[in-house]
Amino acid sequence: MAGGEPKHSALEQMKITEGLEVLDLTIAGSGMVLHPVIVGRKDDWALVDTGMPGLYEAIMKLAGQAGFEAEGLTAIILTHQDVDHVGSLPKFLGMRGDLKVWAHAEDRPYIDGEIAFLKMRPQVKEMLSNLLAAEEYEQFKHAFSKESAPQVTELAAEGDVLPYGGGLTVIHTPGHTPGHISLYHADSKTLLVGDALTVNDGELCGPNPPVTPDMEQALKSVRKFLDYEIETVVCYHGGSFTGDIPKRIEELTADVK
């Protein structure tokens, strides 16, 4: 796919409730499926996570299909620093320089390029170099380097309620990364967990071990979700899950109480 934008084998969105849309981005040839989320009104909305580099157009297309106005995008909320969550951030800011960008203080230095990404392993670099044209890859590296201007404008801390979709409560859920956050949408009892949990074959599962440096801490973070009344969990990898969520969380965290 080098030399052009990523191709997508599927572009879909699913409404959880009015003003809460889960996007489905299937990247052809990679098997990767990502689930950014739109929260807010049609004329005033926030995007939770930006996908891999090159997904700006696909995300905005889905937002338009769901009735969200392009000029209504006012904020980006980043659950954490990983490339498949922040990759298209520079393009969003290039198109809309007035956007607010929210992230936790523990992950802000990585997103702002002060510190190298925790998980920028050789295979990730190879994937990006294959995904992007050479010039695009250099632009991506520059955007997340010390030579580039900071990108995070707002800090999201434990207990903050972000003003989108009637309110998103920030839950600091470290382990997958130091500054990983999850977001609770009280109006719909929906929990947006980023990579704190996954859905595999229809079952709610823990974070992916190979890319979770501190699994014990990550599972302790998951226990925070027991404090919330949850009807739907949205995982960035795997999509939505409904069922006996407290029971499943107890099962997943039984060894880390």
C-alpha atoms as a PDB file:
ATOM      1  CA  MET A   1       0.000   0.000   0.000  1.00  0.00           C
ATOM      2  CA  ALA A   2       3.005   2.298  -0.093  1.00  0.00           C
ATOM      3  CA  GLY A   3       2.547   5.343  -2.256  1.00  0.00           C
ATOM      4  CA  GLY A   4      -1.094   5.958  -1.431  1.00  0.00           C
ATOM      5  CA  GLU A   5      -3.768   6.082   1.250  1.00  0.00           C
ATOM      6  CA  PRO A   6      -4.805   2.861   2.963  1.00  0.00           C
ATOM      7  CA  LYS A   7      -7.537   0.901   1.228  1.00  0.00           C
ATOM      8  CA  HIS A   8     -10.553  -0.137   3.253  1.00  0.00           C
ATOM      9  CA  SER A   9     -12.586  -3.278   2.721  1.00  0.00           C
ATOM     10  CA  ALA A  10     -15.413  -2.002   4.928  1.00  0.00           C
ATOM     11  CA  LEU A  11     -16.584   1.386   6.175  1.00  0.00           C
ATOM     12  CA  GLU A  12     -19.504   1.254   8.574  1.00  0.00           C
ATOM     13  CA  GLN A  13     -20.922   2.942  11.634  1.00  0.00           C
ATOM     14  CA  MET A  14     -23.273   1.785  14.381  1.00  0.00           C
ATOM     15  CA  LYS A  15     -25.433   4.042  16.530  1.00  0.00           C
ATOM     16  CA  ILE A  16     -25.357   3.215  20.255  1.00  0.00           C
ATOM     17  CA  THR A  17     -27.699   6.085  21.096  1.00  0.00           C
ATOM     18  CA  GLU A  18     -28.429   9.521  19.676  1.00  0.00           C
ATOM     19  CA  GLY A  19     -25.085  11.282  19.459  1.00  0.00           C
ATOM     20  CA  LEU A  20     -22.929   8.215  20.037  1.00  0.00           C
ATOM     21  CA  GLU A  21     -21.685   6.423  16.912  1.00  0.00           C
ATOM     22  CA  VAL A  22     -19.146   3.600  16.790  1.00  0.00           C
ATOM     23  CA  LEU A  23     -17.181   3.554  13.536  1.00  0.00           C
ATOM     24  CA  ASP A  24     -15.983   0.340  11.901  1.00  0.00           C
ATOM     25  CA  LEU A  25     -12.824   0.693   9.826  1.00  0.00           C
ATOM     26  CA  THR A  26     -11.570  -2.515   8.251  1.00  0.00           C
ATOM     27  CA  ILE A  27      -8.220  -2.016   6.553  1.00  0.00           C
ATOM     28  CA  ALA A  28      -7.896  -4.270   3.523  1.00  0.00           C
ATOM     29  CA  GLY A  29      -5.007  -6.707   3.513  1.00  0.00           C
ATOM     30  CA  SER A  30      -4.090  -6.244   7.172  1.00  0.00           C
ATOM     31  CA  GLY A  31      -6.987  -7.817   9.018  1.00  0.00           C
ATOM     32  CA  MET A  32      -7.012  -4.753  11.272  1.00  0.00           C
ATOM     33  CA  VAL A  33     -10.423  -3.449  12.383  1.00  0.00           C
ATOM     34  CA  LEU A  34     -10.558  -0.212  14.358  1.00  0.00           C
ATOM     35  CA  HIS A  35     -13.447   1.402  16.214  1.00  0.00           C
ATOM     36  CA  PRO A  36     -13.106   5.146  16.763  1.00  0.00           C
ATOM     37  CA  VAL A  37     -16.192   6.746  18.321  1.00  0.00           C
ATOM     38  CA  ILE A  38     -18.096   9.954  17.607  1.00  0.00           C
ATOM     39  CA  VAL A  39     -19.754  11.657  20.584  1.00  0.00           C
ATOM     40  CA  GLY A  40     -21.932  14.757  20.544  1.00  0.00           C
ATOM     41  CA  ARG A  41     -24.422  16.691  18.455  1.00  0.00           C
ATOM     42  CA  LYS A  42     -24.411  16.801  14.677  1.00  0.00           C
ATOM     43  CA  ASP A  43     -23.047  20.358  14.789  1.00  0.00           C
ATOM     44  CA  ASP A  44     -20.768  19.962  17.824  1.00  0.00           C
ATOM     45  CA  TRP A  45     -18.979  16.652  18.228  1.00  0.00           C
ATOM     46  CA  ALA A  46     -15.786  15.011  19.433  1.00  0.00           C
ATOM     47  CA  LEU A  47     -13.872  12.099  17.942  1.00  0.00           C
ATOM     48  CA  VAL A  48     -12.414   9.486  20.288  1.00  0.00           C
ATOM     49  CA  ASP A  49      -9.151   8.273  18.681  1.00  0.00           C
ATOM     50  CA  THR A  50      -8.023   8.935  15.119  1.00  0.00           C
ATOM     51  CA  GLY A  51      -6.928   5.564  13.740  1.00  0.00           C
ATOM     52  CA  MET A  52      -3.804   4.760  11.784  1.00  0.00           C
ATOM     53  CA  PRO A  53      -2.123   7.365   9.572  1.00  0.00           C
ATOM     54  CA  GLY A  54      -4.138   7.914   6.417  1.00  0.00           C
ATOM     55  CA  LEU A  55      -7.603   7.392   7.912  1.00  0.00           C
ATOM     56  CA  TYR A  56      -8.713  11.028   8.060  1.00  0.00           C
ATOM     57  CA  GLU A  57     -10.802  10.826   4.896  1.00  0.00           C
ATOM     58  CA  ALA A  58     -12.407   7.504   5.856  1.00  0.00           C
ATOM     59  CA  ILE A  59     -13.393   8.778   9.301  1.00  0.00           C
ATOM     60  CA  MET A  60     -14.836  12.006   7.949  1.00  0.00           C
ATOM     61  CA  LYS A  61     -16.765  10.057   5.314  1.00  0.00           C
ATOM     62  CA  LEU A  62     -18.364   7.894   7.992  1.00  0.00           C
ATOM     63  CA  ALA A  63     -19.111  10.924  10.131  1.00  0.00           C
ATOM     64  CA  GLY A  64     -20.873  12.540   7.177  1.00  0.00           C
ATOM     65  CA  GLN A  65     -22.875   9.381   6.473  1.00  0.00           C
ATOM     66  CA  ALA A  66     -24.052   9.451  10.091  1.00  0.00           C
ATOM     67  CA  GLY A  67     -25.162  13.060   9.687  1.00  0.00           C
ATOM     68  CA  PHE A  68     -22.343  14.757  11.586  1.00  0.00           C
ATOM     69  CA  GLU A  69     -21.246  18.041  10.036  1.00  0.00           C
ATOM     70  CA  ALA A  70     -17.558  18.312   9.166  1.00  0.00           C
ATOM     71  CA  GLU A  71     -17.367  21.820  10.611  1.00  0.00           C
ATOM     72  CA  GLY A  72     -19.005  20.523  13.800  1.00  0.00           C
ATOM     73  CA  LEU A  73     -15.890  18.590  14.829  1.00  0.00           C
ATOM     74  CA  THR A  74     -14.471  20.552  17.766  1.00  0.00           C
ATOM     75  CA  ALA A  75     -12.303  18.083  19.656  1.00  0.00           C
ATOM     76  CA  ILE A  76     -10.180  14.940  19.512  1.00  0.00           C
ATOM     77  CA  ILE A  77      -9.995  12.740  22.608  1.00  0.00           C
ATOM     78  CA  LEU A  78      -7.064  10.324  22.646  1.00  0.00           C
ATOM     79  CA  THR A  79      -7.395   7.285  24.879  1.00  0.00           C
ATOM     80  CA  HIS A  80      -3.633   6.757  24.679  1.00  0.00           C
ATOM     81  CA  GLN A  81      -0.436   7.135  22.685  1.00  0.00           C
ATOM     82  CA  ASP A  82      -0.417   4.027  20.441  1.00  0.00           C
ATOM     83  CA  VAL A  83       0.016   4.645  16.721  1.00  0.00           C
ATOM     84  CA  ASP A  84      -3.320   3.108  15.715  1.00  0.00           C
ATOM     85  CA  HIS A  85      -5.043   5.656  17.987  1.00  0.00           C
ATOM     86  CA  VAL A  86      -3.057   8.831  17.250  1.00  0.00           C
ATOM     87  CA  GLY A  87      -1.846   8.147  13.701  1.00  0.00           C
ATOM     88  CA  SER A  88      -4.214  10.465  11.832  1.00  0.00           C
ATOM     89  CA  LEU A  89      -4.063  13.242  14.433  1.00  0.00           C
ATOM     90  CA  PRO A  90      -1.607  15.385  12.410  1.00  0.00           C
ATOM     91  CA  LYS A  91      -3.954  15.314   9.383  1.00  0.00           C
ATOM     92  CA  PHE A  92      -6.924  16.325  11.520  1.00  0.00           C
ATOM     93  CA  LEU A  93      -4.930  19.232  12.936  1.00  0.00           C
ATOM     94  CA  GLY A  94      -3.671  20.155   9.491  1.00  0.00           C
ATOM     95  CA  MET A  95      -7.248  20.409   8.263  1.00  0.00           C
ATOM     96  CA  ARG A  96      -8.632  21.975  11.456  1.00  0.00           C
ATOM     97  CA  GLY A  97      -5.982  23.775  13.467  1.00  0.00           C
ATOM     98  CA  ASP A  98      -8.491  25.019  16.068  1.00  0.00           C
ATOM     99  CA  LEU A  99      -9.367  21.561  17.418  1.00  0.00           C
ATOM    100  CA  LYS A 100      -8.994  20.803  21.105  1.00  0.00           C
ATOM    101  CA  VAL A 101      -6.907  17.680  21.680  1.00  0.00           C
ATOM    102  CA  TRP A 102      -7.432  15.855  24.968  1.00  0.00           C
ATOM    103  CA  ALA A 103      -5.052  13.299  26.501  1.00  0.00           C
ATOM    104  CA  HIS A 104      -3.851  12.220  29.931  1.00  0.00           C
ATOM    105  CA  ALA A 105      -0.759  13.922  31.334  1.00  0.00           C
ATOM    106  CA  GLU A 106       1.134  10.601  31.503  1.00  0.00           C
ATOM    107  CA  ASP A 107       0.828  10.060  27.743  1.00  0.00           C
ATOM    108  CA  ARG A 108       1.030  13.696  26.637  1.00  0.00           C
ATOM    109  CA  PRO A 109       4.872  13.778  26.299  1.00  0.00           C
ATOM    110  CA  TYR A 110       4.751  10.833  23.889  1.00  0.00           C
ATOM    111  CA  ILE A 111       1.991  12.346  21.757  1.00  0.00           C
ATOM    112  CA  ASP A 112       3.794  15.696  21.728  1.00  0.00           C
ATOM    113  CA  GLY A 113       7.046  14.050  20.599  1.00  0.00           C
ATOM    114  CA  GLU A 114       9.053  14.829  23.722  1.00  0.00           C
ATOM    115  CA  ILE A 115       9.540  11.075  24.274  1.00  0.00           C
ATOM    116  CA  ALA A 116       9.506   8.286  21.690  1.00  0.00           C
ATOM    117  CA  PHE A 117       6.379   6.120  21.589  1.00  0.00           C
ATOM    118  CA  LEU A 118       6.617   3.228  24.043  1.00  0.00           C
ATOM    119  CA  LYS A 119       5.735   0.599  21.462  1.00  0.00           C
ATOM    120  CA  MET A 120       7.364   1.840  18.261  1.00  0.00           C
ATOM    121  CA  ARG A 121       8.952  -1.547  17.616  1.00  0.00           C
ATOM    122  CA  PRO A 122      10.703  -2.454  14.345  1.00  0.00           C
ATOM    123  CA  GLN A 123       7.629  -4.314  13.041  1.00  0.00           C
ATOM    124  CA  VAL A 124       5.472  -1.229  13.659  1.00  0.00           C
ATOM    125  CA  LYS A 125       7.920   0.948  11.754  1.00  0.00           C
ATOM    126  CA  GLU A 126       7.925  -1.567   8.917  1.00  0.00           C
ATOM    127  CA  MET A 127       4.126  -1.604   8.831  1.00  0.00           C
ATOM    128  CA  LEU A 128       4.001   2.190   8.657  1.00  0.00           C
ATOM    129  CA  SER A 129       6.631   2.360   5.944  1.00  0.00           C
ATOM    130  CA  ASN A 130       4.577  -0.120   3.899  1.00  0.00           C
ATOM    131  CA  LEU A 131       1.313   1.679   4.644  1.00  0.00           C
ATOM    132  CA  LEU A 132       2.511   5.152   3.704  1.00  0.00           C
ATOM    133  CA  ALA A 133       4.406   6.735   0.860  1.00  0.00           C
ATOM    134  CA  ALA A 134       7.951   7.751   1.811  1.00  0.00           C
ATOM    135  CA  GLU A 135       7.026  11.439   2.072  1.00  0.00           C
ATOM    136  CA  GLU A 136       3.963  10.650   4.184  1.00  0.00           C
ATOM    137  CA  TYR A 137       6.037   8.483   6.506  1.00  0.00           C
ATOM    138  CA  GLU A 138       8.557  11.296   7.004  1.00  0.00           C
ATOM    139  CA  GLN A 139       5.693  13.717   7.729  1.00  0.00           C
ATOM    140  CA  PHE A 140       4.295  11.296  10.299  1.00  0.00           C
ATOM    141  CA  LYS A 141       7.668  10.949  12.054  1.00  0.00           C
ATOM    142  CA  HIS A 142       8.120  14.728  12.084  1.00  0.00           C
ATOM    143  CA  ALA A 143       4.650  15.326  13.578  1.00  0.00           C
ATOM    144  CA  PHE A 144       5.512  13.167  16.597  1.00  0.00           C
ATOM    145  CA  SER A 145       9.045  14.480  17.095  1.00  0.00           C
ATOM    146  CA  LYS A 146      10.669  17.202  19.173  1.00  0.00           C
ATOM    147  CA  GLU A 147      10.946  19.313  16.036  1.00  0.00           C
ATOM    148  CA  SER A 148       7.160  19.590  15.731  1.00  0.00           C
ATOM    149  CA  ALA A 149       4.812  21.803  17.736  1.00  0.00           C
ATOM    150  CA  PRO A 150       2.960  20.162  20.648  1.00  0.00           C
ATOM    151  CA  GLN A 151      -0.364  18.614  19.658  1.00  0.00           C
ATOM    152  CA  VAL A 152      -2.149  18.085  22.983  1.00  0.00           C
ATOM    153  CA  THR A 153      -4.023  21.184  24.131  1.00  0.00           C
ATOM    154  CA  GLU A 154      -6.088  19.841  27.056  1.00  0.00           C
ATOM    155  CA  LEU A 155      -5.349  17.377  29.865  1.00  0.00           C
ATOM    156  CA  ALA A 156      -7.933  14.773  30.860  1.00  0.00           C
ATOM    157  CA  ALA A 157      -7.582  13.572  34.455  1.00  0.00           C
ATOM    158  CA  GLU A 158      -9.343  10.979  36.606  1.00  0.00           C
ATOM    159  CA  GLY A 159     -12.896  12.100  37.387  1.00  0.00           C
ATOM    160  CA  ASP A 160     -13.023  14.942  34.863  1.00  0.00           C
ATOM    161  CA  VAL A 161     -16.274  15.220  32.923  1.00  0.00           C
ATOM    162  CA  LEU A 162     -15.548  16.268  29.353  1.00  0.00           C
ATOM    163  CA  PRO A 163     -18.316  18.386  27.778  1.00  0.00           C
ATOM    164  CA  TYR A 164     -19.330  16.109  24.911  1.00  0.00           C
ATOM    165  CA  GLY A 165     -22.513  14.114  24.402  1.00  0.00           C
ATOM    166  CA  GLY A 166     -23.953  15.293  27.694  1.00  0.00           C
ATOM    167  CA  GLY A 167     -20.739  14.470  29.530  1.00  0.00           C
ATOM    168  CA  LEU A 168     -17.918  11.912  29.346  1.00  0.00           C
ATOM    169  CA  THR A 169     -16.379  10.891  32.667  1.00  0.00           C
ATOM    170  CA  VAL A 170     -12.637  10.235  32.467  1.00  0.00           C
ATOM    171  CA  ILE A 171     -11.364   7.033  34.088  1.00  0.00           C
ATOM    172  CA  HIS A 172      -7.575   6.725  34.273  1.00  0.00           C
ATOM    173  CA  THR A 173      -6.834   3.115  33.310  1.00  0.00           C
ATOM    174  CA  PRO A 174      -3.035   2.685  33.155  1.00  0.00           C
ATOM    175  CA  GLY A 175      -1.292  -0.553  32.285  1.00  0.00           C
ATOM    176  CA  HIS A 176      -1.667  -0.686  28.520  1.00  0.00           C
ATOM    177  CA  THR A 177       0.134   2.673  28.590  1.00  0.00           C
ATOM    178  CA  PRO A 178       0.831   4.938  31.588  1.00  0.00           C
ATOM    179  CA  GLY A 179      -1.733   7.507  30.471  1.00  0.00           C
ATOM    180  CA  HIS A 180      -4.445   5.260  29.072  1.00  0.00           C
ATOM    181  CA  ILE A 181      -7.948   6.597  29.754  1.00  0.00           C
ATOM    182  CA  SER A 182     -11.437   5.178  29.379  1.00  0.00           C
ATOM    183  CA  LEU A 183     -14.608   7.255  29.074  1.00  0.00           C
ATOM    184  CA  TYR A 184     -18.028   6.701  30.642  1.00  0.00           C
ATOM    185  CA  HIS A 185     -21.090   8.124  28.885  1.00  0.00           C
ATOM    186  CA  ALA A 186     -23.619   8.239  31.710  1.00  0.00           C
ATOM    187  CA  ASP A 187     -26.618   9.164  29.550  1.00  0.00           C
ATOM    188  CA  SER A 188     -26.437   5.847  27.667  1.00  0.00           C
ATOM    189  CA  LYS A 189     -24.528   3.830  30.299  1.00  0.00           C
ATOM    190  CA  THR A 190     -21.848   3.192  27.678  1.00  0.00           C
ATOM    191  CA  LEU A 191     -18.176   2.656  28.497  1.00  0.00           C
ATOM    192  CA  LEU A 192     -15.537   3.491  25.881  1.00  0.00           C
ATOM    193  CA  VAL A 193     -12.487   1.496  26.952  1.00  0.00           C
ATOM    194  CA  GLY A 194      -9.918   2.093  24.210  1.00  0.00           C
ATOM    195  CA  ASP A 195      -7.540  -0.872  24.602  1.00  0.00           C
ATOM    196  CA  ALA A 196      -8.263  -1.525  28.292  1.00  0.00           C
ATOM    197  CA  LEU A 197     -10.471  -4.406  27.132  1.00  0.00           C
ATOM    198  CA  THR A 198     -11.028  -6.208  23.831  1.00  0.00           C
ATOM    199  CA  VAL A 199     -13.803  -8.235  22.235  1.00  0.00           C
ATOM    200  CA  ASN A 200     -12.770 -11.556  20.687  1.00  0.00           C
ATOM    201  CA  ASP A 201     -15.285 -13.873  18.995  1.00  0.00           C
ATOM    202  CA  GLY A 202     -18.121 -12.061  20.728  1.00  0.00           C
ATOM    203  CA  GLU A 203     -16.608 -12.372  24.220  1.00  0.00           C
ATOM    204  CA  LEU A 204     -15.332  -9.548  26.395  1.00  0.00           C
ATOM    205  CA  CYS A 205     -11.633 -10.125  27.067  1.00  0.00           C
ATOM    206  CA  GLY A 206      -8.733  -8.394  28.761  1.00  0.00           C
ATOM    207  CA  PRO A 207      -6.173  -6.171  27.061  1.00  0.00           C
ATOM    208  CA  ASN A 208      -3.922  -7.743  24.450  1.00  0.00           C
ATOM    209  CA  PRO A 209      -0.925  -9.153  26.406  1.00  0.00           C
ATOM    210  CA  PRO A 210       1.845  -8.632  23.800  1.00  0.00           C
ATOM    211  CA  VAL A 211       1.171  -4.880  23.712  1.00  0.00           C
ATOM    212  CA  THR A 212       0.296  -4.366  27.392  1.00  0.00           C
ATOM    213  CA  PRO A 213       3.545  -3.722  29.282  1.00  0.00           C
ATOM    214  CA  ASP A 214       2.014  -3.916  32.765  1.00  0.00           C
ATOM    215  CA  MET A 215      -0.791  -6.474  32.679  1.00  0.00           C
ATOM    216  CA  GLU A 216      -1.281  -6.544  36.448  1.00  0.00           C
ATOM    217  CA  GLN A 217      -1.816  -2.800  36.553  1.00  0.00           C
ATOM    218  CA  ALA A 218      -4.036  -2.961  33.467  1.00  0.00           C
ATOM    219  CA  LEU A 219      -6.331  -5.511  35.114  1.00  0.00           C
ATOM    220  CA  LYS A 220      -6.423  -3.497  38.332  1.00  0.00           C
ATOM    221  CA  SER A 221      -7.532  -0.569  36.188  1.00  0.00           C
ATOM    222  CA  VAL A 222     -10.318  -2.684  34.709  1.00  0.00           C
ATOM    223  CA  ARG A 223     -11.735  -3.193  38.205  1.00  0.00           C
ATOM    224  CA  LYS A 224     -12.533   0.532  38.309  1.00  0.00           C
ATOM    225  CA  PHE A 225     -15.335  -0.188  35.853  1.00  0.00           C
ATOM    226  CA  LEU A 226     -17.253  -2.002  38.587  1.00  0.00           C
ATOM    227  CA  ASP A 227     -18.067   1.426  40.063  1.00  0.00           C
ATOM    228  CA  TYR A 228     -20.191   2.286  37.014  1.00  0.00           C
ATOM    229  CA  GLU A 229     -23.557   1.076  35.758  1.00  0.00           C
ATOM    230  CA  ILE A 230     -22.693  -0.193  32.282  1.00  0.00           C
ATOM    231  CA  GLU A 231     -24.995  -1.564  29.601  1.00  0.00           C
ATOM    232  CA  THR A 232     -22.575  -1.417  26.651  1.00  0.00           C
ATOM    233  CA  VAL A 233     -18.783  -1.620  26.419  1.00  0.00           C
ATOM    234  CA  VAL A 234     -17.102  -0.325  23.262  1.00  0.00           C
ATOM    235  CA  CYS A 235     -13.625  -1.718  22.627  1.00  0.00           C
ATOM    236  CA  TYR A 236     -11.323  -0.180  20.021  1.00  0.00           C
ATOM    237  CA  HIS A 237     -10.443  -3.706  18.944  1.00  0.00           C
ATOM    238  CA  GLY A 238     -13.548  -5.858  18.725  1.00  0.00           C
ATOM    239  CA  GLY A 239     -16.346  -3.306  18.890  1.00  0.00           C
ATOM    240  CA  SER A 240     -19.384  -3.371  21.155  1.00  0.00           C
ATOM    241  CA  PHE A 241     -20.296  -5.852  23.878  1.00  0.00           C
ATOM    242  CA  THR A 242     -23.489  -6.204  25.902  1.00  0.00           C
ATOM    243  CA  GLY A 243     -24.288  -8.805  28.527  1.00  0.00           C
ATOM    244  CA  ASP A 244     -23.459  -9.399  32.183  1.00  0.00           C
ATOM    245  CA  ILE A 245     -20.564  -6.954  32.194  1.00  0.00           C
ATOM    246  CA  PRO A 246     -19.866  -6.895  35.968  1.00  0.00           C
ATOM    247  CA  LYS A 247     -19.688 -10.691  36.047  1.00  0.00           C
ATOM    248  CA  ARG A 248     -17.263 -10.744  33.138  1.00  0.00           C
ATOM    249  CA  ILE A 249     -15.074  -8.062  34.724  1.00  0.00           C
ATOM    250  CA  GLU A 250     -14.966 -10.094  37.950  1.00  0.00           C
ATOM    251  CA  GLU A 251     -13.884 -13.133  35.943  1.00  0.00           C
ATOM    252  CA  LEU A 252     -11.155 -11.229  34.103  1.00  0.00           C
ATOM    253  CA  THR A 253      -9.738  -9.652  37.257  1.00  0.00           C
ATOM    254  CA  ALA A 254     -10.198 -12.475  39.743  1.00  0.00           C
ATOM    255  CA  ASP A 255      -6.459 -12.770  40.397  1.00  0.00           C
ATOM    256  CA  VAL A 256      -5.723  -9.075  40.954  1.00  0.00           C
ATOM    257  CA  LYS A 257      -8.150  -7.993  43.669  1.00  0.00           C
END
